[in-house]
């Protein structure tokens, strides 16, 4: 364990942290699990966000098994939880490395001892390059590869290498719908720019992101992704011609269409013989009751998850939001104590799963979140349900990436529903 992680576990939590009961004396992060808190019993200050640790571990094992079966590597995107404890544990479990989106995320993981990183984004101009260089100089063991989708981005990375005092590996980003070189001329310009800095930069492979070309039409999405994979393969051949002996990376793969990435790029890496395909899926470890539930349902519909007898339906939502019923101001309305400051809502509203009252779990059938204010959730209640003030409602969420970032601490639950760990998040 790194000194940073060890110190993190000794860091104090007090009642300024959501979930910690008011008036509680400060306690160390590592000691939270000894208290036996159960959010369903009202032991914690609500609302609170929790991680089902058994579901998370099952998801981890399933995606790792898929990667082994298809001969690919994983660099989970750290932006989903931004919890260095989780990123470090995934690397210890066999991940190739981790993915970050900006310098702040890279700094957090490097301090935690996660040294093999993909910086899956352009970072700006010369000043940002010099900041990246300073970060790399402070972490001489860092093994970081960075995206470039233009000559200007290459110059930024050259500035970083100059400030770091060592060569920086560059991944040529091919793309559509977001960042990335759009055509062969743009790719040629990037390659020429990297070659102009032989003492500072080295071509290390090709990157893309398939989710940006997805549409509401499955057939159109499949065609768009196939075309992007073809362009990525063509660019890889150009990079290989300029770096004939170097081990190279091919990297893509969010959590919704990674099967199409494997179909398009795994044969390229295998035929090359000196390349690794790295998937950057991050939300897959958490899954959800919304956007990824739908995405993995679509993955199974196209029979894209080939992993022994497992299917994508075997992934389990691991996040829960717990909140109390504050008031029943109308016969078919309840107000629960959470809102937009606590839950994601960009890809769907939270879903009531169970009602907890006096140690019993009751049905949430018919309950439906209709809208959110800053700190109020409006829940439609069917006639005769019996939901009452003080009931604790367990919600599933949609889109982990925009839910966890609202929380300073994510509490891990065991199979008995008791808190057994706590994870600090670092969203800046």
Protein backbone atom coordinates (compact mmCIF):
# COMPACT_ATOMS: atom_id res chain seq x y z
CA UNK A 1 0.00 0.00 0.00
CA UNK A 2 1.30 3.48 -0.85
CA UNK A 3 1.98 5.99 1.91
CA UNK A 4 -0.79 8.12 0.43
CA UNK A 5 -3.36 5.33 0.72
CA UNK A 6 -2.21 4.45 4.21
CA UNK A 7 -2.56 8.07 5.30
CA UNK A 8 -5.94 8.25 3.56
CA UNK A 9 -7.25 5.38 5.67
CA UNK A 10 -6.14 7.27 8.76
CA UNK A 11 -7.85 10.48 7.66
CA UNK A 12 -10.69 11.64 9.90
CA UNK A 13 -14.37 11.60 9.07
CA UNK A 14 -16.74 13.80 11.04
CA UNK A 15 -20.38 14.80 10.83
CA UNK A 16 -19.66 17.23 7.99
CA UNK A 17 -19.58 14.10 5.80
CA UNK A 18 -22.98 12.95 4.57
CA UNK A 19 -23.87 9.62 6.10
CA UNK A 20 -21.98 10.22 9.36
CA UNK A 21 -24.49 10.65 12.22
CA UNK A 22 -24.60 14.19 13.66
CA UNK A 23 -22.65 14.68 16.87
CA UNK A 24 -20.39 11.78 16.09
CA UNK A 25 -16.79 12.26 17.22
CA UNK A 26 -14.32 12.16 14.33
CA UNK A 27 -13.21 8.66 13.37
CA UNK A 28 -10.66 7.26 10.96
CA UNK A 29 -11.74 6.09 7.52
CA UNK A 30 -10.34 2.63 8.29
CA UNK A 31 -12.49 2.33 11.43
CA UNK A 32 -15.89 3.00 9.87
CA UNK A 33 -16.59 -0.67 9.20
CA UNK A 34 -16.31 -1.58 12.90
CA UNK A 35 -19.42 0.46 13.76
CA UNK A 36 -21.92 -1.78 11.96
CA UNK A 37 -24.04 1.04 10.55
CA UNK A 38 -27.07 -0.02 8.49
CA UNK A 39 -28.64 2.65 6.30
CA UNK A 40 -31.85 0.60 6.08
CA UNK A 41 -32.19 0.85 9.86
CA UNK A 42 -31.66 4.61 9.99
CA UNK A 43 -28.26 4.31 11.67
CA UNK A 44 -26.77 6.84 9.25
CA UNK A 45 -27.52 10.44 8.40
CA UNK A 46 -29.62 10.33 5.25
CA UNK A 47 -29.38 10.67 2.32
CA UNK A 48 -26.37 8.44 1.81
CA UNK A 49 -24.85 6.68 -1.20
CA UNK A 50 -23.60 3.13 -0.76
CA UNK A 51 -21.69 0.52 -2.75
CA UNK A 52 -22.82 -3.11 -2.67
CA UNK A 53 -19.37 -4.65 -2.36
CA UNK A 54 -20.45 -8.16 -3.36
CA UNK A 55 -22.08 -6.83 -6.54
CA UNK A 56 -18.99 -4.74 -7.31
CA UNK A 57 -16.71 -7.76 -6.85
CA UNK A 58 -18.95 -9.92 -9.06
CA UNK A 59 -18.91 -7.25 -11.79
CA UNK A 60 -15.14 -6.99 -11.52
CA UNK A 61 -14.68 -10.74 -11.83
CA UNK A 62 -17.05 -10.91 -14.80
CA UNK A 63 -15.42 -8.15 -16.86
CA UNK A 64 -11.94 -9.48 -15.99
CA UNK A 65 -13.01 -12.95 -17.18
CA UNK A 66 -14.33 -11.41 -20.40
CA UNK A 67 -11.02 -9.61 -20.94
CA UNK A 68 -9.00 -12.78 -20.39
CA UNK A 69 -11.24 -14.76 -22.72
CA UNK A 70 -10.78 -12.23 -25.53
CA UNK A 71 -7.08 -11.53 -24.95
CA UNK A 72 -7.50 -7.86 -24.06
CA UNK A 73 -6.39 -5.73 -21.12
CA UNK A 74 -8.32 -3.33 -18.88
CA UNK A 75 -7.47 0.19 -17.77
CA UNK A 76 -10.68 1.14 -15.89
CA UNK A 77 -11.60 4.80 -16.19
CA UNK A 78 -11.02 6.36 -12.79
CA UNK A 79 -13.34 9.30 -13.47
CA UNK A 80 -16.36 7.17 -12.48
CA UNK A 81 -15.57 6.87 -8.73
CA UNK A 82 -12.40 8.99 -8.43
CA UNK A 83 -11.60 6.84 -5.41
CA UNK A 84 -7.89 5.93 -5.29
CA UNK A 85 -8.67 2.98 -3.00
CA UNK A 86 -10.85 1.47 -5.73
CA UNK A 87 -8.42 2.21 -8.57
CA UNK A 88 -5.54 0.69 -6.63
CA UNK A 89 -7.57 -2.40 -5.77
CA UNK A 90 -8.50 -2.95 -9.43
CA UNK A 91 -4.84 -2.80 -10.45
CA UNK A 92 -3.98 -5.26 -7.68
CA UNK A 93 -6.74 -7.52 -9.02
CA UNK A 94 -5.14 -7.59 -12.46
CA UNK A 95 -6.01 -4.41 -14.35
CA UNK A 96 -3.31 -3.31 -16.80
CA UNK A 97 -3.49 0.20 -15.38
CA UNK A 98 -6.02 3.00 -15.04
CA UNK A 99 -7.46 5.74 -17.23
CA UNK A 100 -7.76 9.41 -16.31
CA UNK A 101 -9.31 12.39 -18.06
CA UNK A 102 -7.25 15.30 -16.74
CA UNK A 103 -4.21 16.29 -14.71
CA UNK A 104 -6.03 16.40 -11.36
CA UNK A 105 -7.14 12.80 -11.77
CA UNK A 106 -3.63 11.77 -12.81
CA UNK A 107 -2.14 13.47 -9.74
CA UNK A 108 -4.54 11.66 -7.39
CA UNK A 109 -3.77 8.23 -8.82
CA UNK A 110 -0.02 8.79 -9.00
CA UNK A 111 0.01 9.74 -5.31
CA UNK A 112 -1.91 6.53 -4.63
CA UNK A 113 0.79 4.48 -6.37
CA UNK A 114 -1.17 3.74 -9.56
CA UNK A 115 1.63 4.57 -11.96
CA UNK A 116 0.53 3.10 -15.31
CA UNK A 117 -1.98 5.56 -16.71
CA UNK A 118 -3.71 6.45 -19.96
CA UNK A 119 -4.46 10.18 -20.10
CA UNK A 120 -7.51 9.79 -22.32
CA UNK A 121 -8.02 13.40 -23.29
CA UNK A 122 -6.30 16.40 -24.78
CA UNK A 123 -5.24 18.77 -22.01
CA UNK A 124 -4.94 22.22 -23.64
CA UNK A 125 -1.97 24.40 -24.52
CA UNK A 126 1.61 24.98 -23.47
CA UNK A 127 0.85 25.99 -19.86
CA UNK A 128 -1.08 22.74 -19.35
CA UNK A 129 1.79 20.85 -20.95
CA UNK A 130 4.22 22.37 -18.50
CA UNK A 131 1.92 21.41 -15.62
CA UNK A 132 1.84 17.83 -16.90
CA UNK A 133 5.63 17.90 -17.14
CA UNK A 134 5.92 19.10 -13.54
CA UNK A 135 3.63 16.28 -12.43
CA UNK A 136 5.72 13.70 -14.28
CA UNK A 137 8.93 15.15 -12.87
CA UNK A 138 7.48 14.74 -9.38
CA UNK A 139 6.65 11.10 -10.14
CA UNK A 140 9.64 9.60 -11.97
CA UNK A 141 8.03 6.13 -11.84
CA UNK A 142 4.97 7.33 -13.78
CA UNK A 143 4.26 5.32 -16.95
CA UNK A 144 1.79 7.66 -18.64
CA UNK A 145 0.55 7.71 -22.23
CA UNK A 146 -1.30 10.79 -23.50
CA UNK A 147 -3.75 11.47 -26.32
CA UNK A 148 -3.04 13.85 -29.20
CA UNK A 149 -5.51 14.67 -31.99
CA UNK A 150 -3.75 17.62 -33.63
CA UNK A 151 -0.29 19.16 -34.11
CA UNK A 152 -1.22 21.69 -31.42
CA UNK A 153 -1.87 18.85 -28.96
CA UNK A 154 1.47 17.33 -29.92
CA UNK A 155 3.24 20.61 -29.11
CA UNK A 156 1.55 20.59 -25.70
CA UNK A 157 2.92 17.11 -25.04
CA UNK A 158 6.36 18.15 -26.24
CA UNK A 159 6.27 20.96 -23.67
CA UNK A 160 5.32 18.36 -21.03
CA UNK A 161 8.20 16.09 -21.99
CA UNK A 162 10.62 19.00 -21.95
CA UNK A 163 9.49 19.99 -18.44
CA UNK A 164 9.58 16.38 -17.25
CA UNK A 165 13.05 15.79 -18.63
CA UNK A 166 12.10 12.56 -20.38
CA UNK A 167 10.29 11.25 -23.43
CA UNK A 168 6.51 11.03 -23.35
CA UNK A 169 4.58 8.26 -25.16
CA UNK A 170 1.85 9.60 -27.48
CA UNK A 171 -1.38 7.89 -28.52
CA UNK A 172 -2.82 9.24 -31.76
CA UNK A 173 -6.52 9.83 -31.12
CA UNK A 174 -8.90 9.04 -33.96
CA UNK A 175 -12.47 10.16 -33.43
CA UNK A 176 -15.87 11.41 -34.45
CA UNK A 177 -18.58 13.12 -32.47
CA UNK A 178 -16.13 14.36 -29.83
CA UNK A 179 -12.35 14.74 -29.93
CA UNK A 180 -10.06 12.86 -32.29
CA UNK A 181 -8.58 13.22 -35.76
CA UNK A 182 -11.34 13.14 -38.35
CA UNK A 183 -9.46 12.02 -41.48
CA UNK A 184 -6.20 10.75 -42.94
CA UNK A 185 -4.83 14.27 -43.46
CA UNK A 186 -5.32 15.05 -39.77
CA UNK A 187 -3.61 11.79 -38.79
CA UNK A 188 -0.67 12.49 -41.09
CA UNK A 189 -0.26 15.93 -39.52
CA UNK A 190 -0.17 14.43 -36.03
CA UNK A 191 2.38 11.81 -37.02
CA UNK A 192 4.60 14.41 -38.66
CA UNK A 193 4.40 16.59 -35.54
CA UNK A 194 5.45 13.72 -33.26
CA UNK A 195 8.33 12.76 -35.55
CA UNK A 196 9.63 16.34 -35.33
CA UNK A 197 10.34 15.77 -31.61
CA UNK A 198 12.41 12.54 -31.51
CA UNK A 199 14.08 13.46 -28.25
CA UNK A 200 10.84 14.34 -26.49
CA UNK A 201 8.03 12.20 -27.88
CA UNK A 202 7.55 8.62 -29.00
CA UNK A 203 4.66 7.10 -30.90
CA UNK A 204 3.02 4.55 -28.65
CA UNK A 205 -0.19 3.55 -30.43
CA UNK A 206 -3.71 4.64 -31.34
CA UNK A 207 -6.77 5.55 -29.28
CA UNK A 208 -10.43 6.20 -29.93
CA UNK A 209 -13.80 6.36 -28.17
CA UNK A 210 -16.74 4.62 -29.77
CA UNK A 211 -19.51 5.96 -27.54
CA UNK A 212 -19.43 9.38 -29.21
CA UNK A 213 -20.75 7.96 -32.49
CA UNK A 214 -23.69 6.09 -30.94
CA UNK A 215 -27.22 7.12 -31.91
CA UNK A 216 -30.72 6.01 -30.97
CA UNK A 217 -30.71 3.63 -33.95
CA UNK A 218 -28.86 0.34 -33.15
CA UNK A 219 -28.09 -0.39 -36.82
CA UNK A 220 -26.72 3.10 -37.39
CA UNK A 221 -24.68 2.85 -34.18
CA UNK A 222 -23.17 -0.46 -35.27
CA UNK A 223 -22.27 0.98 -38.68
CA UNK A 224 -20.75 4.10 -37.14
CA UNK A 225 -18.64 2.12 -34.68
CA UNK A 226 -17.49 -0.32 -37.37
CA UNK A 227 -16.37 2.61 -39.53
CA UNK A 228 -14.53 4.17 -36.59
CA UNK A 229 -12.79 0.86 -35.85
CA UNK A 230 -11.69 0.67 -39.50
CA UNK A 231 -10.21 4.17 -39.30
CA UNK A 232 -8.49 3.25 -36.03
CA UNK A 233 -6.99 0.13 -37.63
CA UNK A 234 -5.77 2.15 -40.61
CA UNK A 235 -4.12 4.66 -38.30
CA UNK A 236 -2.52 1.85 -36.32
CA UNK A 237 -0.88 0.59 -39.52
CA UNK A 238 0.60 4.06 -40.10
CA UNK A 239 1.94 4.21 -36.54
CA UNK A 240 3.37 0.71 -36.84
CA UNK A 241 5.23 1.72 -40.00
CA UNK A 242 6.94 4.51 -38.06
CA UNK A 243 7.58 2.38 -34.94
CA UNK A 244 8.32 -1.10 -36.33
CA UNK A 245 9.82 -2.60 -33.15
CA UNK A 246 7.98 -0.86 -30.34
CA UNK A 247 5.20 -2.58 -28.35
CA UNK A 248 2.11 -0.52 -29.17
CA UNK A 249 -1.31 0.07 -27.67
CA UNK A 250 -4.73 0.09 -29.23
CA UNK A 251 -7.26 1.53 -26.80
CA UNK A 252 -11.00 2.23 -26.81
CA UNK A 253 -14.04 0.89 -25.04
CA UNK A 254 -16.56 2.50 -22.76
CA UNK A 255 -19.07 0.40 -20.86
CA UNK A 256 -21.80 0.13 -23.50
CA UNK A 257 -20.18 -0.98 -26.78
CA UNK A 258 -16.93 -2.66 -25.75
CA UNK A 259 -17.96 -5.82 -27.60
CA UNK A 260 -17.87 -3.91 -30.90
CA UNK A 261 -14.40 -2.64 -30.03
CA UNK A 262 -13.19 -6.18 -29.41
CA UNK A 263 -14.72 -7.35 -32.69
CA UNK A 264 -13.09 -4.52 -34.62
CA UNK A 265 -9.69 -4.22 -32.98
CA UNK A 266 -8.75 -7.48 -31.24
CA UNK A 267 -7.89 -9.12 -34.62
CA UNK A 268 -5.68 -6.12 -35.42
CA UNK A 269 -3.72 -6.48 -32.20
CA UNK A 270 -3.47 -10.25 -32.60
CA UNK A 271 -2.24 -10.01 -36.20
CA UNK A 272 0.36 -7.44 -35.21
CA UNK A 273 1.82 -9.68 -32.52
CA UNK A 274 3.38 -6.81 -30.59
CA UNK A 275 0.31 -4.78 -29.62
CA UNK A 276 -2.13 -4.77 -26.70
CA UNK A 277 -5.80 -3.85 -26.94
CA UNK A 278 -6.77 -1.98 -23.77
CA UNK A 279 -10.42 -1.38 -22.87
CA UNK A 280 -11.11 1.68 -20.72
CA UNK A 281 -14.53 0.67 -19.37
CA UNK A 282 -15.21 2.20 -15.94
CA UNK A 283 -18.93 2.35 -15.18
CA UNK A 284 -19.26 -1.39 -15.91
CA UNK A 285 -17.90 -2.15 -12.43
CA UNK A 286 -20.79 -0.24 -10.84
CA UNK A 287 -23.59 -0.86 -13.37
CA UNK A 288 -26.93 0.84 -12.57
CA UNK A 289 -30.72 0.75 -12.73
CA UNK A 290 -30.94 2.95 -15.80
CA UNK A 291 -28.71 3.85 -18.71
CA UNK A 292 -26.30 0.91 -18.30
CA UNK A 293 -29.11 -1.52 -17.56
CA UNK A 294 -30.52 -0.55 -20.95
CA UNK A 295 -27.10 -0.62 -22.63
CA UNK A 296 -26.24 -4.10 -21.37
CA UNK A 297 -29.69 -5.31 -22.31
CA UNK A 298 -28.93 -4.16 -25.84
CA UNK A 299 -25.53 -5.88 -25.64
CA UNK A 300 -27.25 -9.18 -24.86
CA UNK A 301 -29.82 -8.57 -27.61
CA UNK A 302 -26.99 -8.48 -30.15
CA UNK A 303 -25.31 -11.45 -28.39
CA UNK A 304 -22.21 -9.36 -27.83
CA UNK A 305 -21.12 -10.68 -24.43
CA UNK A 306 -19.29 -13.91 -25.15
CA UNK A 307 -17.85 -15.18 -21.87
CA UNK A 308 -18.55 -18.85 -21.29
CA UNK A 309 -22.12 -19.23 -20.15
CA UNK A 310 -22.35 -15.71 -18.72
CA UNK A 311 -24.40 -12.91 -20.22
CA UNK A 312 -24.36 -9.16 -19.69
CA UNK A 313 -27.51 -9.63 -17.58
CA UNK A 314 -25.20 -11.12 -14.94
CA UNK A 315 -23.80 -7.68 -14.14
CA UNK A 316 -25.44 -6.30 -11.00
CA UNK A 317 -26.19 -2.69 -10.03
CA UNK A 318 -23.91 -1.87 -7.10
CA UNK A 319 -24.96 1.65 -6.09
CA UNK A 320 -27.85 2.53 -3.78
CA UNK A 321 -29.16 5.86 -2.60
CA UNK A 322 -30.98 5.82 0.73
CA UNK A 323 -33.40 8.57 1.76
CA UNK A 324 -36.20 9.14 4.25
CA UNK A 325 -39.78 10.10 3.53
CA UNK A 326 -40.08 13.66 4.81
CA UNK A 327 -43.73 14.39 4.17
CA UNK A 328 -46.90 13.10 2.51
CA UNK A 329 -48.49 16.46 1.58
CA UNK A 330 -50.97 14.92 -0.89
CA UNK A 331 -52.60 11.46 -1.08
CA UNK A 332 -50.52 10.39 -4.08
CA UNK A 333 -47.32 12.30 -3.33
CA UNK A 334 -44.35 11.74 -1.03
CA UNK A 335 -41.33 14.00 -0.67
CA UNK A 336 -38.07 12.16 0.04
CA UNK A 337 -34.97 13.80 1.42
CA UNK A 338 -32.63 13.91 -1.55
CA UNK A 339 -32.40 15.86 -4.77
CA UNK A 340 -30.19 17.01 -7.61
CA UNK A 341 -27.33 17.65 -5.20
CA UNK A 342 -27.32 13.97 -4.28
CA UNK A 343 -28.26 11.91 -7.34
CA UNK A 344 -27.66 11.75 -11.07
CA UNK A 345 -30.55 12.79 -13.29
CA UNK A 346 -28.98 13.36 -16.73
CA UNK A 347 -29.72 9.80 -17.90
CA UNK A 348 -32.88 9.07 -15.95
CA UNK A 349 -34.25 9.59 -12.45
CA UNK A 350 -33.59 7.29 -9.49
CA UNK A 351 -35.79 4.22 -9.17
CA UNK A 352 -37.42 3.18 -5.85
CA UNK A 353 -36.41 -0.42 -5.09
CA UNK A 354 -37.54 -1.18 -1.54
CA UNK A 355 -39.13 0.51 1.45
CA UNK A 356 -37.63 -0.15 4.89
CA UNK A 357 -39.64 0.21 8.10
CA UNK A 358 -38.77 -1.07 11.58
CA UNK A 359 -36.36 -3.68 10.25
CA UNK A 360 -38.68 -5.00 7.55
CA UNK A 361 -38.22 -4.59 3.80
CA UNK A 362 -41.49 -3.68 2.07
CA UNK A 363 -42.45 -3.45 -1.59
CA UNK A 364 -41.80 -0.27 -3.54
CA UNK A 365 -44.11 -1.38 -6.35
CA UNK A 366 -45.82 1.56 -7.99
CA UNK A 367 -43.55 4.20 -6.46
CA UNK A 368 -41.98 6.46 -9.06
CA UNK A 369 -39.71 9.51 -8.86
CA UNK A 370 -41.23 12.19 -11.09
CA UNK A 371 -38.86 15.10 -10.56
CA UNK A 372 -36.08 16.49 -8.37
CA UNK A 373 -35.42 19.85 -6.76
CA UNK A 374 -32.07 20.69 -5.21
CA UNK A 375 -32.81 18.59 -2.11
CA UNK A 376 -36.29 17.17 -2.63
CA UNK A 377 -37.40 14.09 -4.57
CA UNK A 378 -41.03 14.02 -5.67
CA UNK A 379 -42.33 10.45 -5.52
CA UNK A 380 -45.67 9.43 -7.01
CA UNK A 381 -47.45 7.03 -4.66
CA UNK A 382 -50.29 4.78 -5.83
CA UNK A 383 -53.44 4.73 -3.75
CA UNK A 384 -53.34 2.34 -0.83
CA UNK A 385 -49.56 1.93 -0.76
CA UNK A 386 -49.17 2.97 2.87
CA UNK A 387 -45.85 4.80 2.50
CA UNK A 388 -45.45 6.96 5.56
CA UNK A 389 -43.25 9.68 7.02
CA UNK A 390 -40.05 8.17 8.41
CA UNK A 391 -39.95 5.22 6.01
CA UNK A 392 -36.52 4.74 4.44
CA UNK A 393 -36.60 4.24 0.69
CA UNK A 394 -33.77 2.45 -1.13
CA UNK A 395 -33.25 3.80 -4.65
CA UNK A 396 -31.29 2.59 -7.66
CA UNK A 397 -29.61 5.25 -9.77
CA UNK A 398 -28.94 5.82 -13.46
CA UNK A 399 -25.43 6.82 -14.61
CA UNK A 400 -22.77 6.19 -11.93
CA UNK A 401 -20.37 8.79 -13.37
CA UNK A 402 -22.66 11.71 -12.53
CA UNK A 403 -23.85 10.33 -9.20
CA UNK A 404 -20.70 9.39 -7.29
CA UNK A 405 -19.19 12.81 -8.06
CA UNK A 406 -21.72 14.38 -5.66
CA UNK A 407 -20.26 12.50 -2.68
CA UNK A 408 -17.08 12.96 -0.65
CA UNK A 409 -17.33 9.45 0.80
CA UNK A 410 -18.84 6.28 -0.68
CA UNK A 411 -19.80 3.72 1.97
CA UNK A 412 -19.32 0.02 1.12
CA UNK A 413 -22.01 -2.41 2.31
CA UNK A 414 -21.56 -6.10 3.04
CA UNK A 415 -24.11 -8.80 2.29
CA UNK A 416 -25.81 -8.11 5.63
CA UNK A 417 -26.47 -4.49 4.65
CA UNK A 418 -23.96 -3.14 7.15
CA UNK A 419 -21.22 -0.66 6.32
CA UNK A 420 -17.89 -2.43 6.24
CA UNK A 421 -15.69 0.13 4.44
CA UNK A 422 -15.55 3.70 3.28
CA UNK A 423 -13.97 5.18 0.13
CA UNK A 424 -12.87 8.80 -0.14
CA UNK A 425 -13.53 10.43 -3.48
CA UNK A 426 -11.42 13.15 -5.11
CA UNK A 427 -13.46 15.15 -7.59
CA UNK A 428 -11.67 18.44 -6.94
